[in-house]
Amino acid sequence: MTTSSQAAYKKVKSILISQPKPVQKSPYFDLEQKYGLTIDFREFTHVAPVNVKEVRRQKVNPGEYSSIILNSKNAVDHFFRCCTEMRVKMSEETKYFCLTETIANYLQKFIVYRKRKVFFGTRSIEELRAPLVKHRDKETFLLPCSNLGAKDVTTYLQEIGVKYQEAIMYETVSSDLSDLSDITYDVLVFFGPQAIKSLFDNFPDFKQNETRIAAFGNSTAQAVADKGLIINIQAPTPDIPSMPMALEHYIKVANKEIG
């Protein structure tokens, strides 16, 4: 990916968002139209399955667990993929603890949905405290996850005394971005450390120069700093909770200053 010399405020004409293109109305589309920008979307990472041989090496047999903790649709997909490939049929009495109702509803692709067997919160593991504590002494818990783990979940489970087994069933890997090698964007937007890793996996000699970097979240900001890059746009902040708002705040200043 080519870039051109670091300037704090330089007119923005093009932005690359390191995420899939939204399928519905999005604030990014509004930004594009309002300021006459070109905003492209590209996944810098993708999810790949972990071979069941690797799952077995973790000494994990899904059928031996009576409760499954699911923190994403990917976790659901790959848990049941592993069950199929390992020829394991989960008991109808298995309990499922889902971080959100969306994940719980997604389970219907794989099981007969019974409310007394499926528990869910709205967005975080803390909201599952009551059912987790109720069942912690009589259930065996399995947490399917990616190679990146699920630190927020595991930390909380340890806090409330839930014994669990992690099982890495899928992994987040860098996507092939070689077709972007000769393309320049004014702003690159990142939402996680893995996207920064992907940038350098694809372009080991990447130099920031005049490209502005937007980072969402502390872990992303740290990954940017670790690579010696400068963060020009950061979110969330108390006044700017979202990335679209952060981009607009920057664009208003940068594009006005240039005239």
C-alpha atoms as a PDB file:
ATOM      1  CA  MET A   1       0.000   0.000   0.000  1.00  0.00           C
ATOM      2  CA  THR A   2       1.564   3.283  -1.022  1.00  0.00           C
ATOM      3  CA  THR A   3       1.402   6.381   1.136  1.00  0.00           C
ATOM      4  CA  SER A   4       2.784   9.763   0.771  1.00  0.00           C
ATOM      5  CA  SER A   5       4.663  12.991   4.594  1.00  0.00           C
ATOM      6  CA  GLN A   6       2.915  13.146   7.893  1.00  0.00           C
ATOM      7  CA  ALA A   7       0.576  16.135   8.177  1.00  0.00           C
ATOM      8  CA  ALA A   8      -1.772  16.490  11.141  1.00  0.00           C
ATOM      9  CA  TYR A   9      -4.450  18.158   9.047  1.00  0.00           C
ATOM     10  CA  LYS A  10      -4.557  17.590   5.334  1.00  0.00           C
ATOM     11  CA  LYS A  11      -7.689  17.448   3.223  1.00  0.00           C
ATOM     12  CA  VAL A  12      -9.436  14.086   3.291  1.00  0.00           C
ATOM     13  CA  LYS A  13     -10.780  12.703   0.039  1.00  0.00           C
ATOM     14  CA  SER A  14     -10.563   8.941   0.559  1.00  0.00           C
ATOM     15  CA  ILE A  15     -11.015   6.591   3.522  1.00  0.00           C
ATOM     16  CA  LEU A  16     -10.513   2.842   3.878  1.00  0.00           C
ATOM     17  CA  ILE A  17     -12.518   1.139   6.620  1.00  0.00           C
ATOM     18  CA  SER A  18     -10.968  -2.181   7.669  1.00  0.00           C
ATOM     19  CA  GLN A  19     -14.361  -3.845   8.085  1.00  0.00           C
ATOM     20  CA  PRO A  20     -16.995  -5.361   5.782  1.00  0.00           C
ATOM     21  CA  LYS A  21     -19.270  -2.957   3.949  1.00  0.00           C
ATOM     22  CA  PRO A  22     -22.505  -2.393   5.895  1.00  0.00           C
ATOM     23  CA  VAL A  23     -25.524  -3.988   4.253  1.00  0.00           C
ATOM     24  CA  GLN A  24     -27.963  -1.396   5.583  1.00  0.00           C
ATOM     25  CA  LYS A  25     -27.998   2.361   6.171  1.00  0.00           C
ATOM     26  CA  SER A  26     -24.769   3.481   7.802  1.00  0.00           C
ATOM     27  CA  PRO A  27     -23.305   6.762   9.124  1.00  0.00           C
ATOM     28  CA  TYR A  28     -20.351   6.093   6.822  1.00  0.00           C
ATOM     29  CA  PHE A  29     -22.610   6.417   3.789  1.00  0.00           C
ATOM     30  CA  ASP A  30     -23.899   9.725   5.162  1.00  0.00           C
ATOM     31  CA  LEU A  31     -20.310  10.966   5.604  1.00  0.00           C
ATOM     32  CA  GLU A  32     -19.446   9.940   2.062  1.00  0.00           C
ATOM     33  CA  GLN A  33     -22.348  11.901   0.611  1.00  0.00           C
ATOM     34  CA  LYS A  34     -22.107  14.918   2.903  1.00  0.00           C
ATOM     35  CA  TYR A  35     -18.414  15.576   2.283  1.00  0.00           C
ATOM     36  CA  GLY A  36     -18.008  14.166  -1.224  1.00  0.00           C
ATOM     37  CA  LEU A  37     -15.652  11.405  -0.056  1.00  0.00           C
ATOM     38  CA  THR A  38     -14.712   8.010  -1.394  1.00  0.00           C
ATOM     39  CA  ILE A  39     -15.151   5.489   1.431  1.00  0.00           C
ATOM     40  CA  ASP A  40     -14.175   1.901   0.730  1.00  0.00           C
ATOM     41  CA  PHE A  41     -14.588  -1.121   2.977  1.00  0.00           C
ATOM     42  CA  ARG A  42     -12.238  -4.065   3.159  1.00  0.00           C
ATOM     43  CA  GLU A  43     -11.919  -6.826   5.752  1.00  0.00           C
ATOM     44  CA  PHE A  44      -8.299  -6.944   6.869  1.00  0.00           C
ATOM     45  CA  THR A  45      -8.899 -10.233   8.672  1.00  0.00           C
ATOM     46  CA  HIS A  46     -11.133 -13.257   8.279  1.00  0.00           C
ATOM     47  CA  VAL A  47     -12.158 -16.261  10.321  1.00  0.00           C
ATOM     48  CA  ALA A  48     -10.744 -19.664   9.464  1.00  0.00           C
ATOM     49  CA  PRO A  49     -11.677 -23.034  10.991  1.00  0.00           C
ATOM     50  CA  VAL A  50      -9.326 -24.885  13.305  1.00  0.00           C
ATOM     51  CA  ASN A  51      -8.904 -28.502  12.225  1.00  0.00           C
ATOM     52  CA  VAL A  52     -10.646 -30.944  14.563  1.00  0.00           C
ATOM     53  CA  LYS A  53      -7.314 -32.733  15.006  1.00  0.00           C
ATOM     54  CA  GLU A  54      -6.092 -29.547  16.673  1.00  0.00           C
ATOM     55  CA  VAL A  55      -9.249 -29.408  18.788  1.00  0.00           C
ATOM     56  CA  ARG A  56      -8.640 -32.993  19.920  1.00  0.00           C
ATOM     57  CA  ARG A  57      -5.066 -32.083  20.825  1.00  0.00           C
ATOM     58  CA  GLN A  58      -6.593 -29.634  23.297  1.00  0.00           C
ATOM     59  CA  LYS A  59      -8.203 -32.703  24.929  1.00  0.00           C
ATOM     60  CA  VAL A  60     -11.667 -31.362  24.229  1.00  0.00           C
ATOM     61  CA  ASN A  61     -14.699 -33.540  23.528  1.00  0.00           C
ATOM     62  CA  PRO A  62     -17.805 -31.309  23.261  1.00  0.00           C
ATOM     63  CA  GLY A  63     -20.102 -34.148  24.338  1.00  0.00           C
ATOM     64  CA  GLU A  64     -18.488 -34.223  27.767  1.00  0.00           C
ATOM     65  CA  TYR A  65     -19.780 -30.748  28.630  1.00  0.00           C
ATOM     66  CA  SER A  66     -23.283 -29.969  29.842  1.00  0.00           C
ATOM     67  CA  SER A  67     -23.138 -26.197  29.324  1.00  0.00           C
ATOM     68  CA  ILE A  68     -21.724 -24.164  26.441  1.00  0.00           C
ATOM     69  CA  ILE A  69     -20.827 -20.463  26.665  1.00  0.00           C
ATOM     70  CA  LEU A  70     -21.148 -18.674  23.312  1.00  0.00           C
ATOM     71  CA  ASN A  71     -19.859 -15.139  22.739  1.00  0.00           C
ATOM     72  CA  SER A  72     -20.414 -14.781  18.968  1.00  0.00           C
ATOM     73  CA  LYS A  73     -22.076 -16.278  15.915  1.00  0.00           C
ATOM     74  CA  ASN A  74     -18.654 -17.520  14.852  1.00  0.00           C
ATOM     75  CA  ALA A  75     -18.427 -19.446  18.108  1.00  0.00           C
ATOM     76  CA  VAL A  76     -21.818 -21.032  17.363  1.00  0.00           C
ATOM     77  CA  ASP A  77     -20.873 -21.956  13.794  1.00  0.00           C
ATOM     78  CA  HIS A  78     -17.549 -23.507  14.661  1.00  0.00           C
ATOM     79  CA  PHE A  79     -18.746 -25.271  17.791  1.00  0.00           C
ATOM     80  CA  PHE A  80     -21.370 -27.165  15.822  1.00  0.00           C
ATOM     81  CA  ARG A  81     -18.974 -27.664  12.894  1.00  0.00           C
ATOM     82  CA  CYS A  82     -16.577 -29.375  15.281  1.00  0.00           C
ATOM     83  CA  CYS A  83     -19.418 -31.437  16.738  1.00  0.00           C
ATOM     84  CA  THR A  84     -20.353 -32.625  13.238  1.00  0.00           C
ATOM     85  CA  GLU A  85     -16.775 -33.405  12.222  1.00  0.00           C
ATOM     86  CA  MET A  86     -16.119 -35.175  15.535  1.00  0.00           C
ATOM     87  CA  ARG A  87     -19.426 -37.044  15.210  1.00  0.00           C
ATOM     88  CA  VAL A  88     -20.631 -35.702  18.533  1.00  0.00           C
ATOM     89  CA  LYS A  89     -24.338 -35.212  19.099  1.00  0.00           C
ATOM     90  CA  MET A  90     -25.074 -32.773  21.890  1.00  0.00           C
ATOM     91  CA  SER A  91     -27.656 -33.827  24.447  1.00  0.00           C
ATOM     92  CA  GLU A  92     -31.052 -32.156  24.308  1.00  0.00           C
ATOM     93  CA  GLU A  93     -30.439 -31.242  27.946  1.00  0.00           C
ATOM     94  CA  THR A  94     -27.372 -29.135  27.106  1.00  0.00           C
ATOM     95  CA  LYS A  95     -27.574 -25.577  28.365  1.00  0.00           C
ATOM     96  CA  TYR A  96     -26.351 -22.635  26.286  1.00  0.00           C
ATOM     97  CA  PHE A  97     -25.223 -19.332  27.769  1.00  0.00           C
ATOM     98  CA  CYS A  98     -25.192 -16.621  25.073  1.00  0.00           C
ATOM     99  CA  LEU A  99     -23.875 -13.088  25.464  1.00  0.00           C
ATOM    100  CA  THR A 100     -26.728 -11.608  23.416  1.00  0.00           C
ATOM    101  CA  GLU A 101     -30.236 -12.461  22.279  1.00  0.00           C
ATOM    102  CA  THR A 102     -29.024 -12.316  18.664  1.00  0.00           C
ATOM    103  CA  ILE A 103     -26.587 -15.147  19.373  1.00  0.00           C
ATOM    104  CA  ALA A 104     -29.309 -17.069  21.229  1.00  0.00           C
ATOM    105  CA  ASN A 105     -31.687 -16.746  18.284  1.00  0.00           C
ATOM    106  CA  TYR A 106     -28.922 -17.837  15.917  1.00  0.00           C
ATOM    107  CA  LEU A 107     -28.730 -21.105  17.849  1.00  0.00           C
ATOM    108  CA  GLN A 108     -32.031 -22.107  16.256  1.00  0.00           C
ATOM    109  CA  LYS A 109     -30.067 -23.079  13.151  1.00  0.00           C
ATOM    110  CA  PHE A 110     -28.592 -25.936  15.155  1.00  0.00           C
ATOM    111  CA  ILE A 111     -30.864 -26.878  18.071  1.00  0.00           C
ATOM    112  CA  VAL A 112     -34.506 -27.040  19.072  1.00  0.00           C
ATOM    113  CA  TYR A 113     -34.848 -23.788  20.969  1.00  0.00           C
ATOM    114  CA  ARG A 114     -36.039 -24.144  24.548  1.00  0.00           C
ATOM    115  CA  LYS A 115     -35.986 -21.072  26.724  1.00  0.00           C
ATOM    116  CA  ARG A 116     -35.258 -23.045  29.871  1.00  0.00           C
ATOM    117  CA  LYS A 117     -32.081 -24.328  28.229  1.00  0.00           C
ATOM    118  CA  VAL A 118     -30.902 -21.067  26.623  1.00  0.00           C
ATOM    119  CA  PHE A 119     -29.818 -18.043  28.653  1.00  0.00           C
ATOM    120  CA  PHE A 120     -28.791 -14.703  27.212  1.00  0.00           C
ATOM    121  CA  GLY A 121     -27.917 -11.124  28.092  1.00  0.00           C
ATOM    122  CA  THR A 122     -27.977  -7.978  25.998  1.00  0.00           C
ATOM    123  CA  ARG A 123     -24.275  -7.425  25.373  1.00  0.00           C
ATOM    124  CA  SER A 124     -21.923  -8.705  28.117  1.00  0.00           C
ATOM    125  CA  ILE A 125     -21.147 -11.786  30.197  1.00  0.00           C
ATOM    126  CA  GLU A 126     -21.940  -9.899  33.424  1.00  0.00           C
ATOM    127  CA  GLU A 127     -25.637 -10.019  32.534  1.00  0.00           C
ATOM    128  CA  LEU A 128     -25.517 -13.822  32.770  1.00  0.00           C
ATOM    129  CA  ARG A 129     -24.380 -13.779  36.384  1.00  0.00           C
ATOM    130  CA  ALA A 130     -27.591 -15.188  37.884  1.00  0.00           C
ATOM    131  CA  PRO A 131     -27.895 -18.324  35.700  1.00  0.00           C
ATOM    132  CA  LEU A 132     -24.135 -18.907  35.726  1.00  0.00           C
ATOM    133  CA  VAL A 133     -23.965 -18.772  39.524  1.00  0.00           C
ATOM    134  CA  LYS A 134     -27.078 -20.936  39.796  1.00  0.00           C
ATOM    135  CA  HIS A 135     -25.554 -23.695  37.659  1.00  0.00           C
ATOM    136  CA  ARG A 136     -21.827 -23.317  38.381  1.00  0.00           C
ATOM    137  CA  ASP A 137     -21.596 -26.206  40.856  1.00  0.00           C
ATOM    138  CA  LYS A 138     -23.527 -28.788  38.849  1.00  0.00           C
ATOM    139  CA  GLU A 139     -22.608 -28.040  35.230  1.00  0.00           C
ATOM    140  CA  THR A 140     -19.438 -28.516  33.183  1.00  0.00           C
ATOM    141  CA  PHE A 141     -18.773 -25.440  31.037  1.00  0.00           C
ATOM    142  CA  LEU A 142     -17.079 -25.243  27.633  1.00  0.00           C
ATOM    143  CA  LEU A 143     -16.089 -21.929  26.033  1.00  0.00           C
ATOM    144  CA  PRO A 144     -15.504 -22.226  22.264  1.00  0.00           C
ATOM    145  CA  CYS A 145     -13.309 -19.331  21.157  1.00  0.00           C
ATOM    146  CA  SER A 146     -10.804 -18.105  18.590  1.00  0.00           C
ATOM    147  CA  ASN A 147      -7.027 -17.949  18.805  1.00  0.00           C
ATOM    148  CA  LEU A 148      -7.497 -14.436  20.214  1.00  0.00           C
ATOM    149  CA  GLY A 149      -9.328 -15.846  23.221  1.00  0.00           C
ATOM    150  CA  ALA A 150     -12.200 -14.208  25.080  1.00  0.00           C
ATOM    151  CA  LYS A 151     -10.475 -12.322  27.879  1.00  0.00           C
ATOM    152  CA  ASP A 152     -13.509 -10.363  29.120  1.00  0.00           C
ATOM    153  CA  VAL A 153     -15.479 -13.596  29.408  1.00  0.00           C
ATOM    154  CA  THR A 154     -12.766 -15.676  31.056  1.00  0.00           C
ATOM    155  CA  THR A 155     -11.868 -12.925  33.528  1.00  0.00           C
ATOM    156  CA  TYR A 156     -15.490 -12.670  34.645  1.00  0.00           C
ATOM    157  CA  LEU A 157     -15.974 -16.436  34.878  1.00  0.00           C
ATOM    158  CA  GLN A 158     -12.955 -16.605  37.168  1.00  0.00           C
ATOM    159  CA  GLU A 159     -14.309 -13.748  39.272  1.00  0.00           C
ATOM    160  CA  ILE A 160     -17.587 -15.540  39.971  1.00  0.00           C
ATOM    161  CA  GLY A 161     -16.029 -18.961  40.428  1.00  0.00           C
ATOM    162  CA  VAL A 162     -17.241 -20.717  37.286  1.00  0.00           C
ATOM    163  CA  LYS A 163     -14.921 -23.527  36.212  1.00  0.00           C
ATOM    164  CA  TYR A 164     -14.647 -23.792  32.440  1.00  0.00           C
ATOM    165  CA  GLN A 165     -12.571 -25.196  29.598  1.00  0.00           C
ATOM    166  CA  GLU A 166     -11.529 -23.046  26.654  1.00  0.00           C
ATOM    167  CA  ALA A 167     -11.484 -24.655  23.220  1.00  0.00           C
ATOM    168  CA  ILE A 168      -9.903 -22.878  20.257  1.00  0.00           C
ATOM    169  CA  MET A 169     -12.164 -23.879  17.365  1.00  0.00           C
ATOM    170  CA  TYR A 170     -11.525 -21.040  14.905  1.00  0.00           C
ATOM    171  CA  GLU A 171      -8.920 -18.372  14.328  1.00  0.00           C
ATOM    172  CA  THR A 172      -8.713 -14.821  13.095  1.00  0.00           C
ATOM    173  CA  VAL A 173      -6.113 -14.570  10.347  1.00  0.00           C
ATOM    174  CA  SER A 174      -4.795 -11.846   8.064  1.00  0.00           C
ATOM    175  CA  SER A 175      -6.558 -11.464   4.722  1.00  0.00           C
ATOM    176  CA  ASP A 176      -4.724 -11.106   1.409  1.00  0.00           C
ATOM    177  CA  LEU A 177      -4.545  -7.383   0.649  1.00  0.00           C
ATOM    178  CA  SER A 178      -2.017  -7.573  -2.179  1.00  0.00           C
ATOM    179  CA  ASP A 179      -4.420  -5.891  -4.613  1.00  0.00           C
ATOM    180  CA  LEU A 180      -4.133  -2.703  -2.519  1.00  0.00           C
ATOM    181  CA  SER A 181      -0.379  -2.436  -3.005  1.00  0.00           C
ATOM    182  CA  ASP A 182      -0.595   0.501  -5.423  1.00  0.00           C
ATOM    183  CA  ILE A 183      -3.596   2.252  -3.889  1.00  0.00           C
ATOM    184  CA  THR A 184      -3.370   5.280  -1.609  1.00  0.00           C
ATOM    185  CA  TYR A 185      -5.968   6.329   0.981  1.00  0.00           C
ATOM    186  CA  ASP A 186      -5.937   9.526   3.005  1.00  0.00           C
ATOM    187  CA  VAL A 187      -7.265   7.743   6.106  1.00  0.00           C
ATOM    188  CA  LEU A 188      -7.002   4.119   7.246  1.00  0.00           C
ATOM    189  CA  VAL A 189      -9.482   3.107   9.940  1.00  0.00           C
ATOM    190  CA  PHE A 190      -8.719   0.238  12.342  1.00  0.00           C
ATOM    191  CA  PHE A 191     -10.900  -1.442  14.943  1.00  0.00           C
ATOM    192  CA  GLY A 192      -8.589  -4.036  16.475  1.00  0.00           C
ATOM    193  CA  PRO A 193      -4.931  -5.055  16.888  1.00  0.00           C
ATOM    194  CA  GLN A 194      -5.367  -7.928  14.436  1.00  0.00           C
ATOM    195  CA  ALA A 195      -6.088  -5.472  11.610  1.00  0.00           C
ATOM    196  CA  ILE A 196      -2.800  -3.693  12.335  1.00  0.00           C
ATOM    197  CA  LYS A 197      -1.043  -7.052  12.226  1.00  0.00           C
ATOM    198  CA  SER A 198      -2.677  -7.760   8.878  1.00  0.00           C
ATOM    199  CA  LEU A 199      -1.465  -4.418   7.503  1.00  0.00           C
ATOM    200  CA  PHE A 200       2.140  -5.331   8.264  1.00  0.00           C
ATOM    201  CA  ASP A 201       1.733  -8.979   7.277  1.00  0.00           C
ATOM    202  CA  ASN A 202       0.735  -7.717   3.846  1.00  0.00           C
ATOM    203  CA  PHE A 203       3.019  -4.676   3.687  1.00  0.00           C
ATOM    204  CA  PRO A 204       6.051  -5.219   5.945  1.00  0.00           C
ATOM    205  CA  ASP A 205       7.650  -1.992   4.720  1.00  0.00           C
ATOM    206  CA  PHE A 206       4.558   0.164   5.267  1.00  0.00           C
ATOM    207  CA  LYS A 207       5.365   3.813   6.006  1.00  0.00           C
ATOM    208  CA  GLN A 208       2.675   6.142   7.254  1.00  0.00           C
ATOM    209  CA  ASN A 209       3.924   9.376   5.677  1.00  0.00           C
ATOM    210  CA  GLU A 210       0.811  11.538   4.991  1.00  0.00           C
ATOM    211  CA  THR A 211      -1.710   8.784   5.613  1.00  0.00           C
ATOM    212  CA  ARG A 212      -3.868   9.500   8.639  1.00  0.00           C
ATOM    213  CA  ILE A 213      -4.561   6.643  11.064  1.00  0.00           C
ATOM    214  CA  ALA A 214      -7.887   6.273  12.875  1.00  0.00           C
ATOM    215  CA  ALA A 215      -8.009   3.811  15.778  1.00  0.00           C
ATOM    216  CA  PHE A 216     -11.009   2.580  17.762  1.00  0.00           C
ATOM    217  CA  GLY A 217     -10.345   1.363  21.294  1.00  0.00           C
ATOM    218  CA  ASN A 218      -7.334   1.284  23.582  1.00  0.00           C
ATOM    219  CA  SER A 219      -5.966  -2.049  22.377  1.00  0.00           C
ATOM    220  CA  THR A 220      -6.045  -0.834  18.781  1.00  0.00           C
ATOM    221  CA  ALA A 221      -4.332   2.420  19.740  1.00  0.00           C
ATOM    222  CA  GLN A 222      -1.614   0.466  21.533  1.00  0.00           C
ATOM    223  CA  ALA A 223      -1.056  -1.749  18.488  1.00  0.00           C
ATOM    224  CA  VAL A 224      -0.714   1.361  16.314  1.00  0.00           C
ATOM    225  CA  ALA A 225       1.784   2.886  18.737  1.00  0.00           C
ATOM    226  CA  ASP A 226       3.760  -0.358  18.956  1.00  0.00           C
ATOM    227  CA  LYS A 227       4.346  -0.131  15.201  1.00  0.00           C
ATOM    228  CA  GLY A 228       5.637   3.438  15.525  1.00  0.00           C
ATOM    229  CA  LEU A 229       2.639   4.958  13.746  1.00  0.00           C
ATOM    230  CA  ILE A 230       0.894   8.197  14.659  1.00  0.00           C
ATOM    231  CA  ILE A 231      -2.786   8.191  15.608  1.00  0.00           C
ATOM    232  CA  ASN A 232      -4.590  11.169  14.089  1.00  0.00           C
ATOM    233  CA  ILE A 233      -8.165  10.145  14.892  1.00  0.00           C
ATOM    234  CA  GLN A 234      -9.208   8.188  17.967  1.00  0.00           C
ATOM    235  CA  ALA A 235     -12.466   6.922  19.421  1.00  0.00           C
ATOM    236  CA  PRO A 236     -14.257   6.453  21.666  1.00  0.00           C
ATOM    237  CA  THR A 237     -13.813   9.513  23.846  1.00  0.00           C
ATOM    238  CA  PRO A 238     -16.276  11.043  26.335  1.00  0.00           C
ATOM    239  CA  ASP A 239     -17.408  13.539  23.691  1.00  0.00           C
ATOM    240  CA  ILE A 240     -17.025  11.348  20.608  1.00  0.00           C
ATOM    241  CA  PRO A 241     -18.310   7.821  21.253  1.00  0.00           C
ATOM    242  CA  SER A 242     -18.230   6.450  17.688  1.00  0.00           C
ATOM    243  CA  MET A 243     -15.791   6.226  14.791  1.00  0.00           C
ATOM    244  CA  PRO A 244     -18.109   7.972  12.276  1.00  0.00           C
ATOM    245  CA  MET A 245     -18.376  10.908  14.695  1.00  0.00           C
ATOM    246  CA  ALA A 246     -14.585  10.974  15.162  1.00  0.00           C
ATOM    247  CA  LEU A 247     -14.025  10.959  11.402  1.00  0.00           C
ATOM    248  CA  GLU A 248     -16.511  13.769  10.862  1.00  0.00           C
ATOM    249  CA  HIS A 249     -14.937  15.847  13.618  1.00  0.00           C
ATOM    250  CA  TYR A 250     -11.543  15.490  11.935  1.00  0.00           C
ATOM    251  CA  ILE A 251     -12.852  16.092   8.408  1.00  0.00           C
ATOM    252  CA  LYS A 252     -14.633  19.300   9.428  1.00  0.00           C
ATOM    253  CA  VAL A 253     -11.311  20.737  10.606  1.00  0.00           C
ATOM    254  CA  ALA A 254      -9.015  19.255   7.957  1.00  0.00           C
ATOM    255  CA  ASN A 255     -11.128  20.003   4.897  1.00  0.00           C
ATOM    256  CA  LYS A 256     -12.024  23.496   6.054  1.00  0.00           C
ATOM    257  CA  GLU A 257      -8.393  24.399   6.794  1.00  0.00           C
ATOM    258  CA  ILE A 258      -7.318  23.363   3.317  1.00  0.00           C
ATOM    259  CA  GLY A 259     -10.174  25.377   1.885  1.00  0.00           C
END
